[in-house]
Structures are given as C-alpha cells and as structure tokens.
Protein backbone atom coordinates (compact mmCIF):
# COMPACT_ATOMS: atom_id res chain seq x y z
CA MET A 1 0.00 0.00 0.00
CA ALA A 2 1.51 3.28 -1.10
CA ILE A 3 0.65 6.27 1.06
CA LYS A 4 -0.20 8.83 -1.57
CA GLY A 5 -3.12 10.34 -3.45
CA GLU A 6 -5.09 13.14 -1.82
CA LEU A 7 -3.25 12.87 1.51
CA ASP A 8 -1.17 15.73 2.89
CA MET A 9 2.35 14.34 2.71
CA LYS A 10 3.71 16.87 5.22
CA ALA A 11 1.43 15.31 7.82
CA ILE A 12 2.23 11.78 6.66
CA ASN A 13 5.94 12.49 6.98
CA ARG A 14 5.60 13.19 10.70
CA LYS A 15 5.96 9.38 10.87
CA ILE A 16 3.77 9.02 13.98
CA ALA A 17 0.56 7.02 13.70
CA VAL A 18 -2.35 6.27 16.01
CA CYS A 19 -3.85 2.93 15.03
CA THR A 20 -7.32 1.83 16.09
CA VAL A 21 -6.86 -1.78 17.18
CA SER A 22 -9.84 -4.09 17.58
CA GLY A 23 -7.90 -7.29 18.08
CA GLY A 24 -9.15 -8.33 14.65
CA LEU A 25 -7.43 -9.33 11.44
CA ASP A 26 -8.09 -6.19 9.42
CA SER A 27 -6.72 -3.68 11.90
CA ALA A 28 -3.68 -5.92 12.47
CA VAL A 29 -2.82 -5.95 8.77
CA ALA A 30 -3.47 -2.21 8.50
CA PHE A 31 -1.04 -1.25 11.23
CA ALA A 32 1.49 -3.85 10.03
CA ILE A 33 1.71 -1.82 6.81
CA LEU A 34 2.84 1.20 8.82
CA ALA A 35 5.15 -0.86 11.03
CA ASP A 36 6.83 -2.08 7.85
CA LYS A 37 7.38 1.58 6.88
CA ASP A 38 9.04 2.35 10.23
CA TYR A 39 6.29 4.54 11.67
CA LYS A 40 6.18 5.18 15.39
CA LEU A 41 2.93 3.46 16.32
CA HIS A 42 0.49 4.09 19.15
CA PHE A 43 -2.42 1.65 19.56
CA ILE A 44 -5.85 2.62 20.84
CA PHE A 45 -8.46 0.00 21.80
CA PHE A 46 -12.08 0.75 22.63
CA ASP A 47 -14.29 -0.92 25.22
CA TRP A 48 -17.75 0.01 23.96
CA GLY A 49 -19.62 -2.87 25.54
CA GLN A 50 -19.00 -5.41 22.80
CA LYS A 51 -19.88 -8.96 23.81
CA THR A 52 -16.43 -10.13 22.68
CA LEU A 53 -14.61 -7.54 24.82
CA GLU A 54 -12.42 -9.97 26.75
CA LYS A 55 -11.24 -11.79 23.63
CA GLU A 56 -10.65 -8.59 21.66
CA ARG A 57 -8.81 -6.86 24.51
CA LYS A 58 -6.62 -9.92 25.05
CA CYS A 59 -5.71 -9.93 21.36
CA ALA A 60 -5.05 -6.17 21.33
CA LYS A 61 -2.68 -6.54 24.29
CA ALA A 62 -0.93 -9.48 22.62
CA LEU A 63 -0.50 -7.54 19.38
CA ALA A 64 0.85 -4.53 21.27
CA LYS A 65 3.38 -6.77 22.98
CA HIS A 66 4.33 -8.46 19.71
CA TYR A 67 4.98 -5.13 17.98
CA ASN A 68 6.37 -3.44 21.12
CA VAL A 69 3.79 -0.64 20.96
CA ASP A 70 2.05 1.30 23.74
CA LEU A 71 -1.66 0.47 24.03
CA LYS A 72 -4.28 2.92 25.29
CA ILE A 73 -7.63 1.40 26.33
CA VAL A 74 -10.60 3.77 26.23
CA GLU A 75 -14.07 3.06 27.64
CA ILE A 76 -17.12 4.36 25.76
CA PRO A 77 -19.93 3.69 28.27
CA PHE A 78 -22.61 5.44 26.22
CA LEU A 79 -22.57 2.80 23.47
CA LYS A 80 -23.10 0.09 26.08
CA SER A 81 -26.51 1.57 26.90
CA LEU A 82 -27.96 1.58 23.38
CA PRO A 83 -31.00 -0.72 23.01
CA ASP A 84 -31.43 -3.43 20.38
CA VAL A 85 -27.77 -3.70 19.37
CA SER A 86 -26.75 -7.30 18.77
CA LEU A 87 -23.02 -6.72 19.17
CA THR A 88 -23.56 -5.65 22.79
CA ALA A 89 -26.44 -8.01 23.61
CA LYS A 90 -24.85 -10.91 25.43
CA GLU A 91 -27.71 -13.31 24.72
CA THR A 92 -28.19 -12.47 21.03
CA LEU A 93 -26.45 -14.38 18.25
CA THR A 94 -24.97 -11.93 15.79
CA THR A 95 -25.29 -12.82 12.11
CA GLU A 96 -24.42 -10.99 8.93
CA ILE A 97 -27.64 -8.98 8.96
CA ASN A 98 -27.64 -7.41 12.43
CA GLU A 99 -24.10 -6.25 13.15
CA TYR A 100 -24.56 -2.46 12.83
CA VAL A 101 -23.94 -0.28 15.90
CA PRO A 102 -25.44 3.23 15.50
CA ASN A 103 -22.73 5.78 14.67
CA ARG A 104 -20.09 3.68 16.40
CA ASN A 105 -17.11 4.45 14.20
CA ALA A 106 -17.70 8.20 14.25
CA ILE A 107 -17.65 8.07 18.05
CA LEU A 108 -14.58 5.83 18.27
CA GLU A 109 -12.58 7.62 15.63
CA SER A 110 -13.29 10.98 17.24
CA GLN A 111 -11.54 9.64 20.35
CA ALA A 112 -8.63 8.57 18.16
CA VAL A 113 -8.45 12.08 16.68
CA ALA A 114 -8.07 13.63 20.14
CA TYR A 115 -5.35 11.13 21.06
CA ALA A 116 -3.54 11.65 17.76
CA GLU A 117 -3.57 15.42 18.07
CA SER A 118 -2.17 15.24 21.60
CA LEU A 119 0.72 13.15 20.23
CA LYS A 120 1.20 15.43 17.20
CA ALA A 121 0.69 12.35 15.05
CA GLY A 122 0.47 12.54 11.29
CA ILE A 123 -1.81 9.56 10.75
CA ILE A 124 -4.83 7.80 12.18
CA CYS A 125 -4.96 4.30 10.74
CA VAL A 126 -8.20 2.29 10.67
CA GLY A 127 -8.79 -1.25 9.48
CA SER A 128 -11.79 -0.75 7.18
CA THR A 129 -11.67 -2.92 4.07
CA GLY A 130 -13.35 -2.63 0.69
CA GLY A 131 -16.06 -4.86 -0.69
CA ASP A 132 -19.72 -4.87 0.21
CA HIS A 133 -20.12 -2.51 3.15
CA ILE A 134 -22.90 -3.61 5.47
CA CYS A 135 -22.21 -0.63 7.72
CA PRO A 136 -22.10 2.92 6.31
CA ASP A 137 -19.40 3.97 8.79
CA ASN A 138 -16.89 1.65 7.11
CA SER A 139 -17.20 3.19 3.66
CA PRO A 140 -14.79 5.39 1.65
CA LYS A 141 -17.32 8.24 1.89
CA PHE A 142 -17.24 7.97 5.66
CA ILE A 143 -13.43 8.14 5.75
CA LYS A 144 -13.54 11.28 3.59
CA ALA A 145 -16.15 12.78 5.90
CA MET A 146 -13.96 12.06 8.92
CA GLN A 147 -11.04 13.76 7.18
CA ALA A 148 -13.17 16.83 6.57
CA LEU A 149 -14.10 16.85 10.27
CA ILE A 150 -10.43 16.64 11.25
CA ASN A 151 -9.55 19.46 8.87
CA GLN A 152 -12.16 21.75 10.38
CA GLY A 153 -12.08 20.69 14.01
CA THR A 154 -8.41 20.35 14.98
CA MET A 155 -5.54 22.80 15.51
CA LEU A 156 -2.56 20.71 14.37
CA LYS A 157 -1.24 21.81 10.99
CA PRO A 158 -0.99 20.26 8.54
CA PRO A 159 -4.02 18.27 9.71
CA ILE A 160 -3.81 14.66 10.79
CA GLN A 161 -4.61 12.33 7.91
CA ILE A 162 -7.01 9.42 8.48
CA ILE A 163 -6.18 6.43 6.31
CA ALA A 164 -7.78 3.06 5.65
CA PRO A 165 -4.94 1.27 3.84
CA LEU A 166 -7.09 -1.78 3.09
CA MET A 167 -9.99 0.12 1.55
CA ASP A 168 -8.93 -0.92 -1.95
CA THR A 169 -9.00 -4.61 -1.10
CA ASP A 170 -11.19 -7.17 0.65
CA LYS A 171 -10.59 -9.75 3.36
CA ILE A 172 -8.90 -12.06 0.85
CA GLY A 173 -6.47 -9.32 -0.10
CA ALA A 174 -5.92 -8.41 3.55
CA VAL A 175 -4.88 -11.97 4.40
CA LYS A 176 -2.60 -12.11 1.36
CA LEU A 177 -0.89 -8.90 2.45
CA GLY A 178 -0.78 -10.07 6.06
CA ILE A 179 1.11 -13.19 5.00
CA LYS A 180 3.69 -11.00 3.26
CA LEU A 181 4.02 -8.78 6.34
CA LYS A 182 4.19 -11.79 8.69
CA VAL A 183 1.17 -10.67 10.70
CA PRO A 184 0.63 -13.01 13.69
CA PHE A 185 -2.89 -14.09 12.73
CA GLU A 186 -2.99 -16.38 15.76
CA LEU A 187 -3.18 -13.23 17.92
CA THR A 188 -6.38 -12.00 16.23
CA TRP A 189 -10.07 -12.68 16.84
CA SER A 190 -12.72 -12.03 14.18
CA CYS A 191 -15.93 -13.62 15.44
CA HIS A 192 -18.78 -11.34 16.54
CA ASN A 193 -19.96 -13.85 19.13
CA ASN A 194 -18.64 -14.56 22.61
CA THR A 195 -18.12 -18.29 22.29
CA ASP A 196 -15.16 -20.45 23.35
CA LYS A 197 -14.51 -21.14 19.69
CA ALA A 198 -15.41 -18.85 16.79
CA CYS A 199 -18.97 -19.48 15.61
CA GLY A 200 -18.12 -19.86 11.92
CA LYS A 201 -21.50 -18.37 10.99
CA CYS A 202 -21.34 -14.58 11.45
CA SER A 203 -20.24 -12.38 8.57
CA ASN A 204 -16.76 -11.89 10.03
CA CYS A 205 -16.19 -15.62 10.44
CA LEU A 206 -17.46 -16.41 6.95
CA ALA A 207 -15.24 -13.76 5.36
CA ARG A 208 -12.22 -14.91 7.35
CA LEU A 209 -12.75 -18.57 6.49
CA GLU A 210 -13.02 -17.75 2.79
CA ALA A 211 -9.94 -15.51 2.88
CA PHE A 212 -7.69 -18.17 4.38
CA LYS A 213 -9.08 -20.83 2.05
CA VAL A 214 -8.47 -18.73 -1.08
CA ASN A 215 -4.94 -17.93 0.11
CA ASN A 216 -4.36 -21.64 0.69
CA ILE A 217 -3.12 -21.33 4.26
CA SER A 218 -4.43 -22.66 7.54
CA ASP A 219 -6.47 -20.33 9.75
CA PRO A 220 -5.14 -20.57 13.34
CA THR A 221 -8.60 -19.72 14.70
CA LYS A 222 -10.52 -22.64 16.20
CA TYR A 223 -14.14 -22.90 15.02
CA GLN A 224 -17.22 -24.64 16.35
CA LYS A 225 -18.08 -27.80 14.45
C-alpha cells in the first residue's frame, strides 16, 4: 500500500501514527503496513460494551506486545446503553444482517483524533476494508467525511490524515498482504460472538474462512463444528 493520493504528505511524513486496534485481522494488517514503513505506532483500543470484549482486549494486548507498541484502552460507556444492538447483547447471536452499531465508528474515531492530536501524530490508521459494506461507517465516503471533520475541528497543521490502507482490497487481499508482512494471525479474533470457539456463521467468520481458504493457508482460529 503506497501512502499517496489526496493525503497531505507533510502530515504523513511526521511518521507518527495512532492505530485503532480491535484485536481483529483487518486492523492488524493495516497497522502492520505502517510498522513495515518504520512509523512510530500508538495503539488505541475501545471498550464500547462489545460482547467479545475480553477476547478482543486480550488480542489487542498481545499484538501490542508483539509489535512493542504502547496500548491505550478507552471506555465508551454510552454505546453500552444503546438498546437493540446485537453486538452488545450478550444473549443475542450476531449474524451478517444485524451487526450495525449506531454511529459507532464516528464516536470511536473521534476519540482517536483527540489522542492523535495530543501526540502530534500525522496519521490515524483504521482497518476498514473494501467490498460490500454492510455498515455505512466503514465506507470510503465515511473516511472522507472524517477527514473533513479533522480538517475543520483540529488545531494541528498540517491536519492529521485518516487512512484506511485496506480500503482498496477485501478480506482475501488483507490476508494475502498479512502473509507477506508476517502478521501473527494467531493473535487475532474475528468472530462477533462470545463463544469459546469462533462461531463460523457470522459475517466476520465467513469472510475470514473464505480468505484463508483462497490464500491456501491454515487459519489458526478454532471454530465450532
């Protein structure tokens, strides 16, 4: 992934990046791209009441240790209180059709902006991928809107640049790139459900299974039979 295009290279060249880390595959590959380019990384993980919090936080900590990066954990209690959200409902099985959390990424990425500005970072890196976007806050238009918000609402000049280095690829491409970058996939968790083993049925599991199969490598995740 070349860092170019419409981005402000003076900001990019500050070589400091805040990376939103979910403990998942996509964000791991995204920040591995910057690690490979010798950026100074800072990880930020969000506890927003997700049912898979313990697994995701454990993976985020393991990834931070693996890459020798500081990890900031931020609680977002408001999102925990939203009704009828399957990703926070402990008793609800999440499938591919009910995984949206209202305005989640705008809230989380706004926290990342504040952290990045305090560090005088040049980049905020998110793990959004291309393909069919179930959630509008994972889309290219959303990333552009967040950049406009940063441009207008922060003091650091040139403004921090928000990047989604995997936006031009899908999960298959992310795994392919992760292999090249030697991403420790065994330290990631993709399933939306809080089960001992990944459910193998939610949209994240299905996409991950397909990606490893197409790339002809074994997925270290253990799945329910």
